[in-house]
Amino acid sequence: MAFTKKLDANHFKLTDQVVSINRVTKVVKGGKNMSFAALVVVGDATAGVVGHGAGKAKEVPQAIRKAIEAAKKNLVKVNLTATTIPHQVLGRYGSGHVLLKPAPEGTGVIAGGAVRAVMTSAGVQNVLTKSLGTANPHNVIKATFDALTQLRDKAEVALMRGKTVEEL
């Protein structure tokens, strides 16, 4: 995978979307300690930038706040063509597999749950997706990000193959 420079969250108008909130219990000698885990996706649809993060705290709002801060730290730029993705790609993480296919204008985002949150936050307007394997939102989101980082634009492919864009 190519090295990507870190994106500064302050340069973008980020919107956040909560994907899942989970109540977690730790059993200790004195009883049960309850806390909440939040999974959040942040993105700037106009810039094609998206990130994800997880946070845990005793209360839900604090967990969401922590997750948003974590998401701002791992933003990635997505290669898009007009309103869709340049080519079909399969992202993998653990047993989570996510298939992304480009779609014609007017199709919309055909995706479920966690994948939909990532696609809309990234600014993809027309895409077909299929989530294979696990339904665990953490692994599905990481598989989606794996797929998004595999996307290449025409100029990048031409450079890798030693050709001009017109020759492709």
C-alpha atoms as a PDB file:
ATOM      1  CA  MET A   1       0.000   0.000   0.000  1.00  0.00           C
ATOM      2  CA  ALA A   2       1.286   3.445  -0.907  1.00  0.00           C
ATOM      3  CA  PHE A   3       2.238   5.919   1.807  1.00  0.00           C
ATOM      4  CA  THR A   4      -0.408   8.604   2.323  1.00  0.00           C
ATOM      5  CA  LYS A   5       0.216  11.851   4.155  1.00  0.00           C
ATOM      6  CA  LYS A   6      -1.903  12.637   7.206  1.00  0.00           C
ATOM      7  CA  LEU A   7      -4.901  14.861   6.456  1.00  0.00           C
ATOM      8  CA  ASP A   8      -5.664  17.769   8.778  1.00  0.00           C
ATOM      9  CA  ALA A   9      -9.260  17.602  10.068  1.00  0.00           C
ATOM     10  CA  ASN A  10      -9.457  21.408  10.465  1.00  0.00           C
ATOM     11  CA  HIS A  11      -9.328  21.937   6.668  1.00  0.00           C
ATOM     12  CA  PHE A  12     -12.623  20.095   6.057  1.00  0.00           C
ATOM     13  CA  LYS A  13     -16.289  20.585   6.964  1.00  0.00           C
ATOM     14  CA  LEU A  14     -16.706  17.209   8.656  1.00  0.00           C
ATOM     15  CA  THR A  15     -20.076  15.682   9.456  1.00  0.00           C
ATOM     16  CA  ASP A  16     -20.330  12.770  11.853  1.00  0.00           C
ATOM     17  CA  GLN A  17     -22.586   9.734  11.735  1.00  0.00           C
ATOM     18  CA  VAL A  18     -22.968   7.258  14.607  1.00  0.00           C
ATOM     19  CA  VAL A  19     -22.861   3.698  13.233  1.00  0.00           C
ATOM     20  CA  SER A  20     -23.316   1.720  16.437  1.00  0.00           C
ATOM     21  CA  ILE A  21     -23.558   2.173  20.188  1.00  0.00           C
ATOM     22  CA  ASN A  22     -22.924  -0.868  22.339  1.00  0.00           C
ATOM     23  CA  ARG A  23     -23.435  -1.302  26.086  1.00  0.00           C
ATOM     24  CA  VAL A  24     -20.402  -3.097  27.520  1.00  0.00           C
ATOM     25  CA  THR A  25     -20.201  -4.690  30.947  1.00  0.00           C
ATOM     26  CA  LYS A  26     -17.017  -5.550  32.825  1.00  0.00           C
ATOM     27  CA  VAL A  27     -17.529  -7.967  35.687  1.00  0.00           C
ATOM     28  CA  VAL A  28     -15.302  -7.128  38.670  1.00  0.00           C
ATOM     29  CA  LYS A  29     -15.076  -8.248  42.300  1.00  0.00           C
ATOM     30  CA  GLY A  30     -17.507  -5.551  43.434  1.00  0.00           C
ATOM     31  CA  GLY A  31     -20.125  -6.244  40.745  1.00  0.00           C
ATOM     32  CA  LYS A  32     -20.596  -5.059  37.152  1.00  0.00           C
ATOM     33  CA  ASN A  33     -19.061  -1.944  35.610  1.00  0.00           C
ATOM     34  CA  MET A  34     -21.223  -0.584  32.766  1.00  0.00           C
ATOM     35  CA  SER A  35     -19.832   1.535  29.966  1.00  0.00           C
ATOM     36  CA  PHE A  36     -20.706   2.401  26.363  1.00  0.00           C
ATOM     37  CA  ALA A  37     -18.742   1.850  23.159  1.00  0.00           C
ATOM     38  CA  ALA A  38     -19.477   4.042  20.116  1.00  0.00           C
ATOM     39  CA  LEU A  39     -18.447   3.574  16.492  1.00  0.00           C
ATOM     40  CA  VAL A  40     -18.535   6.758  14.403  1.00  0.00           C
ATOM     41  CA  VAL A  41     -17.820   7.711  10.774  1.00  0.00           C
ATOM     42  CA  VAL A  42     -16.853  11.303   9.913  1.00  0.00           C
ATOM     43  CA  GLY A  43     -16.495  12.720   6.436  1.00  0.00           C
ATOM     44  CA  ASP A  44     -16.601  15.669   4.083  1.00  0.00           C
ATOM     45  CA  ALA A  45     -18.723  14.656   1.083  1.00  0.00           C
ATOM     46  CA  THR A  46     -17.554  17.615  -1.048  1.00  0.00           C
ATOM     47  CA  ALA A  47     -13.838  16.818  -0.539  1.00  0.00           C
ATOM     48  CA  GLY A  48     -14.138  13.013  -0.719  1.00  0.00           C
ATOM     49  CA  VAL A  49     -12.560  12.577   2.723  1.00  0.00           C
ATOM     50  CA  VAL A  50     -13.728  10.011   5.287  1.00  0.00           C
ATOM     51  CA  GLY A  51     -12.517   8.515   8.585  1.00  0.00           C
ATOM     52  CA  HIS A  52     -13.735   6.167  11.320  1.00  0.00           C
ATOM     53  CA  GLY A  53     -13.152   5.904  15.049  1.00  0.00           C
ATOM     54  CA  ALA A  54     -14.264   4.112  18.192  1.00  0.00           C
ATOM     55  CA  GLY A  55     -14.621   5.467  21.720  1.00  0.00           C
ATOM     56  CA  LYS A  56     -15.587   4.094  25.129  1.00  0.00           C
ATOM     57  CA  ALA A  57     -16.892   5.974  28.155  1.00  0.00           C
ATOM     58  CA  LYS A  58     -19.301   5.730  31.088  1.00  0.00           C
ATOM     59  CA  GLU A  59     -21.922   7.826  29.225  1.00  0.00           C
ATOM     60  CA  VAL A  60     -23.058   7.717  25.574  1.00  0.00           C
ATOM     61  CA  PRO A  61     -22.302  11.387  24.637  1.00  0.00           C
ATOM     62  CA  GLN A  62     -18.748  11.105  25.978  1.00  0.00           C
ATOM     63  CA  ALA A  63     -18.204   7.865  24.035  1.00  0.00           C
ATOM     64  CA  ILE A  64     -19.438   9.519  20.831  1.00  0.00           C
ATOM     65  CA  ARG A  65     -17.185  12.549  21.428  1.00  0.00           C
ATOM     66  CA  LYS A  66     -14.155  10.271  21.909  1.00  0.00           C
ATOM     67  CA  ALA A  67     -15.039   8.317  18.757  1.00  0.00           C
ATOM     68  CA  ILE A  68     -15.296  11.522  16.700  1.00  0.00           C
ATOM     69  CA  GLU A  69     -11.865  12.651  17.915  1.00  0.00           C
ATOM     70  CA  ALA A  70     -10.413   9.234  17.002  1.00  0.00           C
ATOM     71  CA  ALA A  71     -12.083   9.380  13.565  1.00  0.00           C
ATOM     72  CA  LYS A  72     -10.565  12.797  12.821  1.00  0.00           C
ATOM     73  CA  LYS A  73      -7.105  11.291  13.359  1.00  0.00           C
ATOM     74  CA  ASN A  74      -7.397   8.694  10.582  1.00  0.00           C
ATOM     75  CA  LEU A  75      -8.950  10.485   7.623  1.00  0.00           C
ATOM     76  CA  VAL A  76      -8.383   9.105   4.117  1.00  0.00           C
ATOM     77  CA  LYS A  77      -8.877  10.737   0.693  1.00  0.00           C
ATOM     78  CA  VAL A  78     -11.046   8.665  -1.641  1.00  0.00           C
ATOM     79  CA  ASN A  79     -10.463   8.573  -5.424  1.00  0.00           C
ATOM     80  CA  LEU A  80     -13.860   9.244  -7.007  1.00  0.00           C
ATOM     81  CA  THR A  81     -15.078   9.774 -10.577  1.00  0.00           C
ATOM     82  CA  ALA A  82     -17.879  12.372 -10.714  1.00  0.00           C
ATOM     83  CA  THR A  83     -20.487  10.694  -8.482  1.00  0.00           C
ATOM     84  CA  THR A  84     -19.287   7.075  -8.279  1.00  0.00           C
ATOM     85  CA  ILE A  85     -16.131   5.002  -7.784  1.00  0.00           C
ATOM     86  CA  PRO A  86     -13.664   4.372 -10.661  1.00  0.00           C
ATOM     87  CA  HIS A  87     -13.765   0.554 -10.642  1.00  0.00           C
ATOM     88  CA  GLN A  88     -15.020  -2.538  -8.821  1.00  0.00           C
ATOM     89  CA  VAL A  89     -13.080  -3.473  -5.674  1.00  0.00           C
ATOM     90  CA  LEU A  90     -13.229  -6.012  -2.835  1.00  0.00           C
ATOM     91  CA  GLY A  91     -12.106  -4.919   0.625  1.00  0.00           C
ATOM     92  CA  ARG A  92     -11.203  -7.413   3.345  1.00  0.00           C
ATOM     93  CA  TYR A  93     -10.700  -7.160   7.074  1.00  0.00           C
ATOM     94  CA  GLY A  94     -10.893 -10.245   9.284  1.00  0.00           C
ATOM     95  CA  SER A  95     -13.900 -12.213   8.077  1.00  0.00           C
ATOM     96  CA  GLY A  96     -15.548  -9.021   6.780  1.00  0.00           C
ATOM     97  CA  HIS A  97     -15.581  -8.657   2.995  1.00  0.00           C
ATOM     98  CA  VAL A  98     -17.135  -5.661   1.244  1.00  0.00           C
ATOM     99  CA  LEU A  99     -17.685  -5.527  -2.528  1.00  0.00           C
ATOM    100  CA  LEU A 100     -18.025  -2.063  -4.090  1.00  0.00           C
ATOM    101  CA  LYS A 101     -19.220  -1.657  -7.696  1.00  0.00           C
ATOM    102  CA  PRO A 102     -19.555   1.563  -9.699  1.00  0.00           C
ATOM    103  CA  ALA A 103     -23.131   2.465 -10.636  1.00  0.00           C
ATOM    104  CA  PRO A 104     -24.679   4.740 -13.288  1.00  0.00           C
ATOM    105  CA  GLU A 105     -26.138   8.161 -12.481  1.00  0.00           C
ATOM    106  CA  GLY A 106     -29.426   8.012 -10.557  1.00  0.00           C
ATOM    107  CA  THR A 107     -28.809   4.634  -8.900  1.00  0.00           C
ATOM    108  CA  GLY A 108     -28.126   6.025  -5.434  1.00  0.00           C
ATOM    109  CA  VAL A 109     -26.243   4.349  -2.599  1.00  0.00           C
ATOM    110  CA  ILE A 110     -27.315   0.702  -2.520  1.00  0.00           C
ATOM    111  CA  ALA A 111     -25.762  -0.302   0.795  1.00  0.00           C
ATOM    112  CA  GLY A 112     -26.733  -1.405   4.253  1.00  0.00           C
ATOM    113  CA  GLY A 113     -25.853  -0.140   7.717  1.00  0.00           C
ATOM    114  CA  ALA A 114     -22.159   0.475   8.250  1.00  0.00           C
ATOM    115  CA  VAL A 115     -21.225   0.525   4.533  1.00  0.00           C
ATOM    116  CA  ARG A 116     -23.923   3.133   3.801  1.00  0.00           C
ATOM    117  CA  ALA A 117     -22.568   5.414   6.536  1.00  0.00           C
ATOM    118  CA  VAL A 118     -19.061   5.285   5.025  1.00  0.00           C
ATOM    119  CA  MET A 119     -20.267   5.782   1.421  1.00  0.00           C
ATOM    120  CA  THR A 120     -22.491   8.777   2.177  1.00  0.00           C
ATOM    121  CA  SER A 121     -19.806  10.387   4.366  1.00  0.00           C
ATOM    122  CA  ALA A 122     -17.223   9.929   1.574  1.00  0.00           C
ATOM    123  CA  GLY A 123     -19.494  11.685  -0.923  1.00  0.00           C
ATOM    124  CA  VAL A 124     -20.202   8.671  -3.149  1.00  0.00           C
ATOM    125  CA  GLN A 125     -23.663   9.214  -4.642  1.00  0.00           C
ATOM    126  CA  ASN A 126     -24.038   6.151  -6.908  1.00  0.00           C
ATOM    127  CA  VAL A 127     -22.617   2.796  -5.843  1.00  0.00           C
ATOM    128  CA  LEU A 128     -23.655  -0.845  -5.498  1.00  0.00           C
ATOM    129  CA  THR A 129     -22.298  -2.673  -2.447  1.00  0.00           C
ATOM    130  CA  LYS A 130     -22.470  -6.135  -0.963  1.00  0.00           C
ATOM    131  CA  SER A 131     -21.316  -6.993   2.542  1.00  0.00           C
ATOM    132  CA  LEU A 132     -20.076 -10.586   2.721  1.00  0.00           C
ATOM    133  CA  GLY A 133     -18.987 -12.578   5.756  1.00  0.00           C
ATOM    134  CA  THR A 134     -19.376 -10.988   9.169  1.00  0.00           C
ATOM    135  CA  ALA A 135     -22.009  -8.413  10.102  1.00  0.00           C
ATOM    136  CA  ASN A 136     -19.804  -6.968  12.888  1.00  0.00           C
ATOM    137  CA  PRO A 137     -19.875  -3.189  12.186  1.00  0.00           C
ATOM    138  CA  HIS A 138     -16.222  -2.690  13.227  1.00  0.00           C
ATOM    139  CA  ASN A 139     -14.942  -5.270  10.726  1.00  0.00           C
ATOM    140  CA  VAL A 140     -17.378  -4.172   7.997  1.00  0.00           C
ATOM    141  CA  ILE A 141     -16.215  -0.544   8.283  1.00  0.00           C
ATOM    142  CA  LYS A 142     -12.540  -1.552   8.242  1.00  0.00           C
ATOM    143  CA  ALA A 143     -13.176  -3.758   5.169  1.00  0.00           C
ATOM    144  CA  THR A 144     -14.926  -0.808   3.469  1.00  0.00           C
ATOM    145  CA  PHE A 145     -11.935   1.428   4.211  1.00  0.00           C
ATOM    146  CA  ASP A 146      -9.625  -1.273   2.810  1.00  0.00           C
ATOM    147  CA  ALA A 147     -11.693  -1.221  -0.405  1.00  0.00           C
ATOM    148  CA  LEU A 148     -11.653   2.594  -0.589  1.00  0.00           C
ATOM    149  CA  THR A 149      -7.867   2.733  -0.196  1.00  0.00           C
ATOM    150  CA  GLN A 150      -7.508   0.264  -3.116  1.00  0.00           C
ATOM    151  CA  LEU A 151      -9.321   2.633  -5.518  1.00  0.00           C
ATOM    152  CA  ARG A 152      -7.033   4.067  -8.209  1.00  0.00           C
ATOM    153  CA  ASP A 153      -7.758   6.867 -10.688  1.00  0.00           C
ATOM    154  CA  LYS A 154      -6.780   6.677 -14.383  1.00  0.00           C
ATOM    155  CA  ALA A 155      -3.663   8.845 -13.978  1.00  0.00           C
ATOM    156  CA  GLU A 156      -2.343   6.615 -11.170  1.00  0.00           C
ATOM    157  CA  VAL A 157      -2.919   3.410 -13.184  1.00  0.00           C
ATOM    158  CA  ALA A 158      -1.249   4.944 -16.249  1.00  0.00           C
ATOM    159  CA  LEU A 159       1.774   5.941 -14.149  1.00  0.00           C
ATOM    160  CA  MET A 160       2.057   2.441 -12.640  1.00  0.00           C
ATOM    161  CA  ARG A 161       1.894   0.826 -16.096  1.00  0.00           C
ATOM    162  CA  GLY A 162       4.276   3.332 -17.675  1.00  0.00           C
ATOM    163  CA  LYS A 163       1.714   4.627 -20.168  1.00  0.00           C
ATOM    164  CA  THR A 164      -0.144   7.875 -20.810  1.00  0.00           C
ATOM    165  CA  VAL A 165      -3.790   8.349 -19.820  1.00  0.00           C
ATOM    166  CA  GLU A 166      -4.784   8.408 -23.540  1.00  0.00           C
ATOM    167  CA  GLU A 167      -3.215   4.949 -24.135  1.00  0.00           C
ATOM    168  CA  LEU A 168      -5.454   3.262 -21.535  1.00  0.00           C
END
